[in-house]
Amino acid sequence: SNMTSNRNNFLGVSNFVWWVGVIEGRDDPLGIGRCQVRIFGWHTDDTTALPTTDLPWAHPMFPINGSKNFQAPNLDEWVVGFFMDGESGQFPVFFGKFPGLKAKFIK
């Protein structure tokens, strides 16, 4: 069988890494709804050490029901997602937001 492939950080086989974070950037140069998310416990909250512009672009995940209704979350809103590349943490995806939770409530 062809089961000798490298499965490190294979989504669902190795560690599935969930995260919660706050939207810091939403002006996606590709115009596809990506946002820059500061992920709690993963990224430092020191914006000098890790400026918003250096945060990776998190991709939105849409439902497959044909809905075209999507609006990128607003700045300071909290979102939930996972890393497509597991513990490497370089390819974040978000699929929901927590209405009413904003970064200012925890500062």
C-alpha atoms as a PDB file:
ATOM      1  CA  SER A   1       0.000   0.000   0.000  1.00  0.00           C
ATOM      2  CA  ASN A   2       0.988   3.611  -0.384  1.00  0.00           C
ATOM      3  CA  MET A   3       0.925   4.461   3.322  1.00  0.00           C
ATOM      4  CA  THR A   4       4.502   5.680   3.699  1.00  0.00           C
ATOM      5  CA  SER A   5       3.760   9.383   3.199  1.00  0.00           C
ATOM      6  CA  ASN A   6       4.906  11.896   5.801  1.00  0.00           C
ATOM      7  CA  ARG A   7       1.951  12.600   8.067  1.00  0.00           C
ATOM      8  CA  ASN A   8       3.485  15.269  10.280  1.00  0.00           C
ATOM      9  CA  ASN A   9       0.901  17.985  10.918  1.00  0.00           C
ATOM     10  CA  PHE A  10      -1.632  16.179   8.738  1.00  0.00           C
ATOM     11  CA  LEU A  11      -4.975  17.703   9.733  1.00  0.00           C
ATOM     12  CA  GLY A  12      -6.913  15.203  11.825  1.00  0.00           C
ATOM     13  CA  VAL A  13      -4.064  12.695  12.196  1.00  0.00           C
ATOM     14  CA  SER A  14      -1.607  14.631  14.317  1.00  0.00           C
ATOM     15  CA  ASN A  15      -2.620  17.253  16.864  1.00  0.00           C
ATOM     16  CA  PHE A  16      -5.670  19.267  15.839  1.00  0.00           C
ATOM     17  CA  VAL A  17      -5.001  22.748  17.198  1.00  0.00           C
ATOM     18  CA  TRP A  18      -8.044  24.898  17.987  1.00  0.00           C
ATOM     19  CA  TRP A  19      -7.619  28.550  18.823  1.00  0.00           C
ATOM     20  CA  VAL A  20      -9.448  31.730  19.839  1.00  0.00           C
ATOM     21  CA  GLY A  21      -8.117  35.129  18.875  1.00  0.00           C
ATOM     22  CA  VAL A  22      -8.914  38.764  18.223  1.00  0.00           C
ATOM     23  CA  ILE A  23      -9.224  40.485  14.851  1.00  0.00           C
ATOM     24  CA  GLU A  24      -6.482  43.086  14.394  1.00  0.00           C
ATOM     25  CA  GLY A  25      -6.476  43.503  10.619  1.00  0.00           C
ATOM     26  CA  ARG A  26      -9.219  43.028   8.029  1.00  0.00           C
ATOM     27  CA  ASP A  27      -8.051  44.901   4.927  1.00  0.00           C
ATOM     28  CA  ASP A  28      -7.280  41.757   2.918  1.00  0.00           C
ATOM     29  CA  PRO A  29      -5.187  42.638  -0.158  1.00  0.00           C
ATOM     30  CA  LEU A  30      -6.719  39.624  -1.955  1.00  0.00           C
ATOM     31  CA  GLY A  31     -10.259  40.735  -1.103  1.00  0.00           C
ATOM     32  CA  ILE A  32     -11.395  37.271   0.001  1.00  0.00           C
ATOM     33  CA  GLY A  33     -12.265  38.030   3.623  1.00  0.00           C
ATOM     34  CA  ARG A  34      -9.033  37.028   5.304  1.00  0.00           C
ATOM     35  CA  CYS A  35      -8.208  38.670   8.630  1.00  0.00           C
ATOM     36  CA  GLN A  36      -5.106  39.088  10.734  1.00  0.00           C
ATOM     37  CA  VAL A  37      -5.818  37.453  14.082  1.00  0.00           C
ATOM     38  CA  ARG A  38      -3.777  37.697  17.264  1.00  0.00           C
ATOM     39  CA  ILE A  39      -4.308  34.226  18.695  1.00  0.00           C
ATOM     40  CA  PHE A  40      -4.536  34.080  22.474  1.00  0.00           C
ATOM     41  CA  GLY A  41      -1.735  32.023  24.008  1.00  0.00           C
ATOM     42  CA  TRP A  42      -0.049  31.499  20.633  1.00  0.00           C
ATOM     43  CA  HIS A  43       1.000  35.030  19.675  1.00  0.00           C
ATOM     44  CA  THR A  44       2.450  37.455  22.180  1.00  0.00           C
ATOM     45  CA  ASP A  45       0.184  40.334  23.147  1.00  0.00           C
ATOM     46  CA  ASP A  46       3.217  42.631  22.845  1.00  0.00           C
ATOM     47  CA  THR A  47       2.475  44.569  19.647  1.00  0.00           C
ATOM     48  CA  THR A  48       6.033  45.878  19.565  1.00  0.00           C
ATOM     49  CA  ALA A  49       7.507  42.366  19.491  1.00  0.00           C
ATOM     50  CA  LEU A  50       4.827  41.170  17.034  1.00  0.00           C
ATOM     51  CA  PRO A  51       3.154  44.011  15.138  1.00  0.00           C
ATOM     52  CA  THR A  52      -0.266  43.461  13.561  1.00  0.00           C
ATOM     53  CA  THR A  53       1.332  43.685  10.097  1.00  0.00           C
ATOM     54  CA  ASP A  54       3.401  40.563  10.884  1.00  0.00           C
ATOM     55  CA  LEU A  55       0.415  38.415  11.898  1.00  0.00           C
ATOM     56  CA  PRO A  56      -0.479  35.711   9.361  1.00  0.00           C
ATOM     57  CA  TRP A  57      -3.661  36.055   7.306  1.00  0.00           C
ATOM     58  CA  ALA A  58      -6.362  33.731   8.619  1.00  0.00           C
ATOM     59  CA  HIS A  59      -8.687  32.341   5.953  1.00  0.00           C
ATOM     60  CA  PRO A  60     -12.450  32.311   6.516  1.00  0.00           C
ATOM     61  CA  MET A  61     -14.274  29.005   6.143  1.00  0.00           C
ATOM     62  CA  PHE A  62     -17.701  29.268   4.514  1.00  0.00           C
ATOM     63  CA  PRO A  63     -20.633  26.857   4.831  1.00  0.00           C
ATOM     64  CA  ILE A  64     -21.330  24.689   1.791  1.00  0.00           C
ATOM     65  CA  ASN A  65     -25.031  25.539   1.618  1.00  0.00           C
ATOM     66  CA  GLY A  66     -24.571  27.944  -1.287  1.00  0.00           C
ATOM     67  CA  SER A  67     -24.828  31.029   0.912  1.00  0.00           C
ATOM     68  CA  LYS A  68     -22.792  33.951  -0.365  1.00  0.00           C
ATOM     69  CA  ASN A  69     -23.513  35.968   2.784  1.00  0.00           C
ATOM     70  CA  PHE A  70     -20.179  36.711   4.391  1.00  0.00           C
ATOM     71  CA  GLN A  71     -18.827  39.749   6.157  1.00  0.00           C
ATOM     72  CA  ALA A  72     -15.368  39.804   7.668  1.00  0.00           C
ATOM     73  CA  PRO A  73     -15.492  40.250  11.446  1.00  0.00           C
ATOM     74  CA  ASN A  74     -14.890  43.736  12.769  1.00  0.00           C
ATOM     75  CA  LEU A  75     -11.684  44.854  14.436  1.00  0.00           C
ATOM     76  CA  ASP A  76     -11.371  43.707  18.063  1.00  0.00           C
ATOM     77  CA  GLU A  77     -13.977  40.943  17.679  1.00  0.00           C
ATOM     78  CA  TRP A  78     -13.098  37.457  18.887  1.00  0.00           C
ATOM     79  CA  VAL A  79     -13.071  34.548  16.448  1.00  0.00           C
ATOM     80  CA  VAL A  80     -12.549  30.793  16.732  1.00  0.00           C
ATOM     81  CA  GLY A  81     -10.621  28.605  14.345  1.00  0.00           C
ATOM     82  CA  PHE A  82      -7.927  26.018  13.837  1.00  0.00           C
ATOM     83  CA  PHE A  83      -4.554  25.628  12.147  1.00  0.00           C
ATOM     84  CA  MET A  84      -4.587  23.746   8.829  1.00  0.00           C
ATOM     85  CA  ASP A  85      -0.936  22.859   9.498  1.00  0.00           C
ATOM     86  CA  GLY A  86      -1.395  21.700  13.083  1.00  0.00           C
ATOM     87  CA  GLU A  87       1.285  22.726  15.535  1.00  0.00           C
ATOM     88  CA  SER A  88       3.267  24.616  12.888  1.00  0.00           C
ATOM     89  CA  GLY A  89       0.615  27.302  13.312  1.00  0.00           C
ATOM     90  CA  GLN A  90       1.261  29.146  10.050  1.00  0.00           C
ATOM     91  CA  PHE A  91      -2.072  28.541   8.257  1.00  0.00           C
ATOM     92  CA  PRO A  92      -4.943  29.703  10.477  1.00  0.00           C
ATOM     93  CA  VAL A  93      -8.577  29.261   9.433  1.00  0.00           C
ATOM     94  CA  PHE A  94     -11.542  30.820  11.228  1.00  0.00           C
ATOM     95  CA  PHE A  95     -15.157  29.729  11.041  1.00  0.00           C
ATOM     96  CA  GLY A  96     -17.034  31.687  13.661  1.00  0.00           C
ATOM     97  CA  LYS A  97     -17.083  34.722  15.872  1.00  0.00           C
ATOM     98  CA  PHE A  98     -18.271  35.381  19.403  1.00  0.00           C
ATOM     99  CA  PRO A  99     -20.811  38.205  19.242  1.00  0.00           C
ATOM    100  CA  GLY A 100     -20.357  40.778  21.967  1.00  0.00           C
ATOM    101  CA  LEU A 101     -16.799  39.778  22.897  1.00  0.00           C
ATOM    102  CA  LYS A 102     -14.276  42.455  22.102  1.00  0.00           C
ATOM    103  CA  ALA A 103     -10.624  42.820  23.010  1.00  0.00           C
ATOM    104  CA  LYS A 104     -11.281  45.886  25.177  1.00  0.00           C
ATOM    105  CA  PHE A 105     -13.195  43.745  27.674  1.00  0.00           C
ATOM    106  CA  ILE A 106     -10.061  41.844  28.688  1.00  0.00           C
ATOM    107  CA  LYS A 107      -7.539  44.680  28.731  1.00  0.00           C
END
